[in-house]
């Protein structure tokens, strides 16, 4: 199972449903990787096409296989509105170590409601010495009986 550091470049979103009827939507994203959660800045006044261009770093351990990105609309006087969510599978980035910026579908109540652009980079941690047989070079005793 991969262990290391995941770098997430949150670029932008488009086609999002504007949840504010009186004013422009002020979108932000909440990125969750297992128990780690990071929050982007608020793209004030950018409506349904927010640009963030922010980088987030997560520590990857056993059992992590996806990144969830929840898009919210910041409201001043009421609770923030849920706009939609994207699920990014991490298997390809674990294999390739770098995935260029790609668009992922944003869904709300199982309905498509826009897309979010994200780039990924994975840096594996070196294996611990206990996981690999050490080779000191030179003479090695035979295990023949």
C-alpha atoms as a PDB file:
ATOM      1  CA  UNK A   1       0.000   0.000   0.000  1.00  0.00           C
ATOM      2  CA  UNK A   2       1.441   3.392  -0.937  1.00  0.00           C
ATOM      3  CA  UNK A   3       2.709   5.751   1.720  1.00  0.00           C
ATOM      4  CA  UNK A   4       4.030   9.215   1.075  1.00  0.00           C
ATOM      5  CA  UNK A   5       3.005  12.776   0.371  1.00  0.00           C
ATOM      6  CA  UNK A   6       0.168  13.836  -1.930  1.00  0.00           C
ATOM      7  CA  UNK A   7       0.326  17.323  -3.378  1.00  0.00           C
ATOM      8  CA  UNK A   8      -3.019  18.589  -4.695  1.00  0.00           C
ATOM      9  CA  UNK A   9      -3.215  21.603  -6.994  1.00  0.00           C
ATOM     10  CA  UNK A  10      -6.756  22.978  -6.797  1.00  0.00           C
ATOM     11  CA  UNK A  11      -7.061  25.017  -9.994  1.00  0.00           C
ATOM     12  CA  UNK A  12     -10.643  26.053 -10.734  1.00  0.00           C
ATOM     13  CA  UNK A  13     -14.239  24.985 -11.250  1.00  0.00           C
ATOM     14  CA  UNK A  14     -16.867  25.784 -13.843  1.00  0.00           C
ATOM     15  CA  UNK A  15     -20.510  25.156 -14.541  1.00  0.00           C
ATOM     16  CA  UNK A  16     -21.429  25.235 -10.858  1.00  0.00           C
ATOM     17  CA  UNK A  17     -24.991  25.969  -9.816  1.00  0.00           C
ATOM     18  CA  UNK A  18     -25.216  29.477  -8.348  1.00  0.00           C
ATOM     19  CA  UNK A  19     -26.814  29.017  -4.923  1.00  0.00           C
ATOM     20  CA  UNK A  20     -27.120  32.763  -4.234  1.00  0.00           C
ATOM     21  CA  UNK A  21     -30.108  34.392  -5.887  1.00  0.00           C
ATOM     22  CA  UNK A  22     -29.415  37.962  -4.795  1.00  0.00           C
ATOM     23  CA  UNK A  23     -25.638  38.097  -5.116  1.00  0.00           C
ATOM     24  CA  UNK A  24     -22.791  36.211  -6.763  1.00  0.00           C
ATOM     25  CA  UNK A  25     -21.659  32.920  -5.331  1.00  0.00           C
ATOM     26  CA  UNK A  26     -18.500  32.959  -3.175  1.00  0.00           C
ATOM     27  CA  UNK A  27     -17.182  29.413  -3.589  1.00  0.00           C
ATOM     28  CA  UNK A  28     -14.585  27.598  -1.543  1.00  0.00           C
ATOM     29  CA  UNK A  29     -13.503  23.976  -1.437  1.00  0.00           C
ATOM     30  CA  UNK A  30     -13.012  21.551   1.436  1.00  0.00           C
ATOM     31  CA  UNK A  31     -10.546  18.789   0.528  1.00  0.00           C
ATOM     32  CA  UNK A  32     -10.680  15.589   2.586  1.00  0.00           C
ATOM     33  CA  UNK A  33      -8.233  12.718   2.444  1.00  0.00           C
ATOM     34  CA  UNK A  34      -9.313  10.158   5.046  1.00  0.00           C
ATOM     35  CA  UNK A  35      -9.127  12.107   8.337  1.00  0.00           C
ATOM     36  CA  UNK A  36      -7.156  15.104   7.018  1.00  0.00           C
ATOM     37  CA  UNK A  37      -9.161  18.145   5.957  1.00  0.00           C
ATOM     38  CA  UNK A  38      -7.969  21.335   4.221  1.00  0.00           C
ATOM     39  CA  UNK A  39      -9.969  24.392   3.197  1.00  0.00           C
ATOM     40  CA  UNK A  40      -9.284  26.679   0.244  1.00  0.00           C
ATOM     41  CA  UNK A  41      -9.646  30.418   0.230  1.00  0.00           C
ATOM     42  CA  UNK A  42     -13.018  31.898  -0.732  1.00  0.00           C
ATOM     43  CA  UNK A  43     -13.225  32.922  -4.403  1.00  0.00           C
ATOM     44  CA  UNK A  44     -15.224  36.081  -3.631  1.00  0.00           C
ATOM     45  CA  UNK A  45     -17.497  37.314  -6.388  1.00  0.00           C
ATOM     46  CA  UNK A  46     -16.300  34.751  -8.942  1.00  0.00           C
ATOM     47  CA  UNK A  47     -19.710  33.079  -9.146  1.00  0.00           C
ATOM     48  CA  UNK A  48     -19.994  29.671 -10.819  1.00  0.00           C
ATOM     49  CA  UNK A  49     -16.433  29.854 -12.301  1.00  0.00           C
ATOM     50  CA  UNK A  50     -14.109  30.178  -9.275  1.00  0.00           C
ATOM     51  CA  UNK A  51     -10.307  30.169  -9.670  1.00  0.00           C
ATOM     52  CA  UNK A  52      -8.160  29.133  -6.722  1.00  0.00           C
ATOM     53  CA  UNK A  53      -4.731  27.985  -7.954  1.00  0.00           C
ATOM     54  CA  UNK A  54      -3.849  26.740  -4.460  1.00  0.00           C
ATOM     55  CA  UNK A  55      -1.721  23.780  -3.413  1.00  0.00           C
ATOM     56  CA  UNK A  56      -2.487  21.460  -0.500  1.00  0.00           C
ATOM     57  CA  UNK A  57      -0.327  18.669   0.946  1.00  0.00           C
ATOM     58  CA  UNK A  58      -1.632  15.464   2.531  1.00  0.00           C
ATOM     59  CA  UNK A  59       0.273  12.645   4.224  1.00  0.00           C
ATOM     60  CA  UNK A  60      -0.811   9.346   2.695  1.00  0.00           C
ATOM     61  CA  UNK A  61      -0.930   6.213   4.845  1.00  0.00           C
ATOM     62  CA  UNK A  62      -2.506   2.776   4.672  1.00  0.00           C
ATOM     63  CA  UNK A  63      -6.010   2.509   3.239  1.00  0.00           C
ATOM     64  CA  UNK A  64      -6.243   5.890   1.474  1.00  0.00           C
ATOM     65  CA  UNK A  65      -7.687   5.491  -2.022  1.00  0.00           C
ATOM     66  CA  UNK A  66      -9.616   8.688  -2.793  1.00  0.00           C
ATOM     67  CA  UNK A  67      -9.723  12.428  -2.287  1.00  0.00           C
ATOM     68  CA  UNK A  68     -13.076  14.125  -1.686  1.00  0.00           C
ATOM     69  CA  UNK A  69     -13.556  17.744  -2.695  1.00  0.00           C
ATOM     70  CA  UNK A  70     -16.679  19.429  -1.382  1.00  0.00           C
ATOM     71  CA  UNK A  71     -17.575  22.803  -2.893  1.00  0.00           C
ATOM     72  CA  UNK A  72     -19.361  25.252  -0.647  1.00  0.00           C
ATOM     73  CA  UNK A  73     -20.799  28.756  -1.076  1.00  0.00           C
ATOM     74  CA  UNK A  74     -19.786  31.154   1.686  1.00  0.00           C
ATOM     75  CA  UNK A  75     -22.753  33.066   3.114  1.00  0.00           C
ATOM     76  CA  UNK A  76     -22.433  35.981   5.515  1.00  0.00           C
ATOM     77  CA  UNK A  77     -25.618  35.704   7.570  1.00  0.00           C
ATOM     78  CA  UNK A  78     -26.756  32.108   7.046  1.00  0.00           C
ATOM     79  CA  UNK A  79     -25.170  28.681   6.958  1.00  0.00           C
ATOM     80  CA  UNK A  80     -22.873  28.087   3.974  1.00  0.00           C
ATOM     81  CA  UNK A  81     -24.567  26.307   1.050  1.00  0.00           C
ATOM     82  CA  UNK A  82     -23.454  22.921  -0.285  1.00  0.00           C
ATOM     83  CA  UNK A  83     -22.819  23.261  -4.031  1.00  0.00           C
ATOM     84  CA  UNK A  84     -21.566  19.775  -4.909  1.00  0.00           C
ATOM     85  CA  UNK A  85     -18.821  17.215  -4.404  1.00  0.00           C
ATOM     86  CA  UNK A  86     -16.181  15.468  -6.513  1.00  0.00           C
ATOM     87  CA  UNK A  87     -14.442  12.185  -5.734  1.00  0.00           C
ATOM     88  CA  UNK A  88     -10.923  11.829  -7.111  1.00  0.00           C
ATOM     89  CA  UNK A  89      -9.545   8.255  -7.250  1.00  0.00           C
ATOM     90  CA  UNK A  90      -5.909   8.149  -6.110  1.00  0.00           C
ATOM     91  CA  UNK A  91      -4.873   4.809  -7.666  1.00  0.00           C
ATOM     92  CA  UNK A  92      -3.587   6.398 -10.915  1.00  0.00           C
ATOM     93  CA  UNK A  93      -1.425   8.973  -9.103  1.00  0.00           C
ATOM     94  CA  UNK A  94       0.062   6.256  -6.867  1.00  0.00           C
ATOM     95  CA  UNK A  95       1.141   4.392 -10.038  1.00  0.00           C
ATOM     96  CA  UNK A  96       2.216   7.357 -12.184  1.00  0.00           C
ATOM     97  CA  UNK A  97       3.339   9.678  -9.334  1.00  0.00           C
ATOM     98  CA  UNK A  98       2.037  12.679 -11.289  1.00  0.00           C
ATOM     99  CA  UNK A  99      -1.323  13.380 -12.929  1.00  0.00           C
ATOM    100  CA  UNK A 100      -1.638  16.600 -14.942  1.00  0.00           C
ATOM    101  CA  UNK A 101      -4.524  18.954 -14.269  1.00  0.00           C
ATOM    102  CA  UNK A 102      -7.762  17.147 -15.133  1.00  0.00           C
ATOM    103  CA  UNK A 103     -11.466  17.888 -14.816  1.00  0.00           C
ATOM    104  CA  UNK A 104     -13.552  15.810 -12.391  1.00  0.00           C
ATOM    105  CA  UNK A 105     -17.354  15.827 -12.268  1.00  0.00           C
ATOM    106  CA  UNK A 106     -19.031  17.680  -9.425  1.00  0.00           C
ATOM    107  CA  UNK A 107     -22.258  16.002  -8.335  1.00  0.00           C
ATOM    108  CA  UNK A 108     -25.071  16.903  -5.983  1.00  0.00           C
ATOM    109  CA  UNK A 109     -27.772  14.360  -5.150  1.00  0.00           C
ATOM    110  CA  UNK A 110     -26.348  12.112  -7.900  1.00  0.00           C
ATOM    111  CA  UNK A 111     -26.826  14.835 -10.540  1.00  0.00           C
ATOM    112  CA  UNK A 112     -23.975  16.411 -12.537  1.00  0.00           C
ATOM    113  CA  UNK A 113     -23.588  20.064 -11.542  1.00  0.00           C
ATOM    114  CA  UNK A 114     -20.246  21.206 -12.967  1.00  0.00           C
ATOM    115  CA  UNK A 115     -16.600  20.245 -12.925  1.00  0.00           C
ATOM    116  CA  UNK A 116     -13.499  20.955 -10.892  1.00  0.00           C
ATOM    117  CA  UNK A 117      -9.922  21.007 -12.213  1.00  0.00           C
ATOM    118  CA  UNK A 118      -7.257  19.370 -10.069  1.00  0.00           C
ATOM    119  CA  UNK A 119      -3.624  18.313 -10.571  1.00  0.00           C
ATOM    120  CA  UNK A 120      -1.990  15.618  -8.418  1.00  0.00           C
ATOM    121  CA  UNK A 121       1.564  14.671  -7.494  1.00  0.00           C
ATOM    122  CA  UNK A 122       2.561  11.763  -5.239  1.00  0.00           C
ATOM    123  CA  UNK A 123       5.963  11.411  -3.596  1.00  0.00           C
ATOM    124  CA  UNK A 124       6.403   7.949  -2.065  1.00  0.00           C
ATOM    125  CA  UNK A 125       8.263   7.616   1.215  1.00  0.00           C
ATOM    126  CA  UNK A 126      11.342   5.418   1.166  1.00  0.00           C
ATOM    127  CA  UNK A 127      10.672   1.989   2.579  1.00  0.00           C
ATOM    128  CA  UNK A 128      11.788   1.360   6.122  1.00  0.00           C
ATOM    129  CA  UNK A 129      14.913  -0.788   6.450  1.00  0.00           C
ATOM    130  CA  UNK A 130      12.904  -3.580   8.093  1.00  0.00           C
ATOM    131  CA  UNK A 131      10.887  -3.984   4.896  1.00  0.00           C
ATOM    132  CA  UNK A 132      13.894  -4.717   2.658  1.00  0.00           C
ATOM    133  CA  UNK A 133      16.679  -7.240   3.060  1.00  0.00           C
ATOM    134  CA  UNK A 134      19.858  -5.307   3.637  1.00  0.00           C
ATOM    135  CA  UNK A 135      22.824  -5.979   1.394  1.00  0.00           C
ATOM    136  CA  UNK A 136      26.155  -5.053   2.929  1.00  0.00           C
ATOM    137  CA  UNK A 137      28.106  -6.265  -0.102  1.00  0.00           C
ATOM    138  CA  UNK A 138      31.006  -8.645  -0.050  1.00  0.00           C
ATOM    139  CA  UNK A 139      30.896 -12.237   1.200  1.00  0.00           C
ATOM    140  CA  UNK A 140      27.543 -13.815   2.081  1.00  0.00           C
ATOM    141  CA  UNK A 141      27.234 -17.091   3.963  1.00  0.00           C
ATOM    142  CA  UNK A 142      25.450 -19.863   2.134  1.00  0.00           C
ATOM    143  CA  UNK A 143      22.251 -21.221   3.673  1.00  0.00           C
ATOM    144  CA  UNK A 144      22.884 -24.784   2.431  1.00  0.00           C
ATOM    145  CA  UNK A 145      22.542 -27.554   5.030  1.00  0.00           C
END
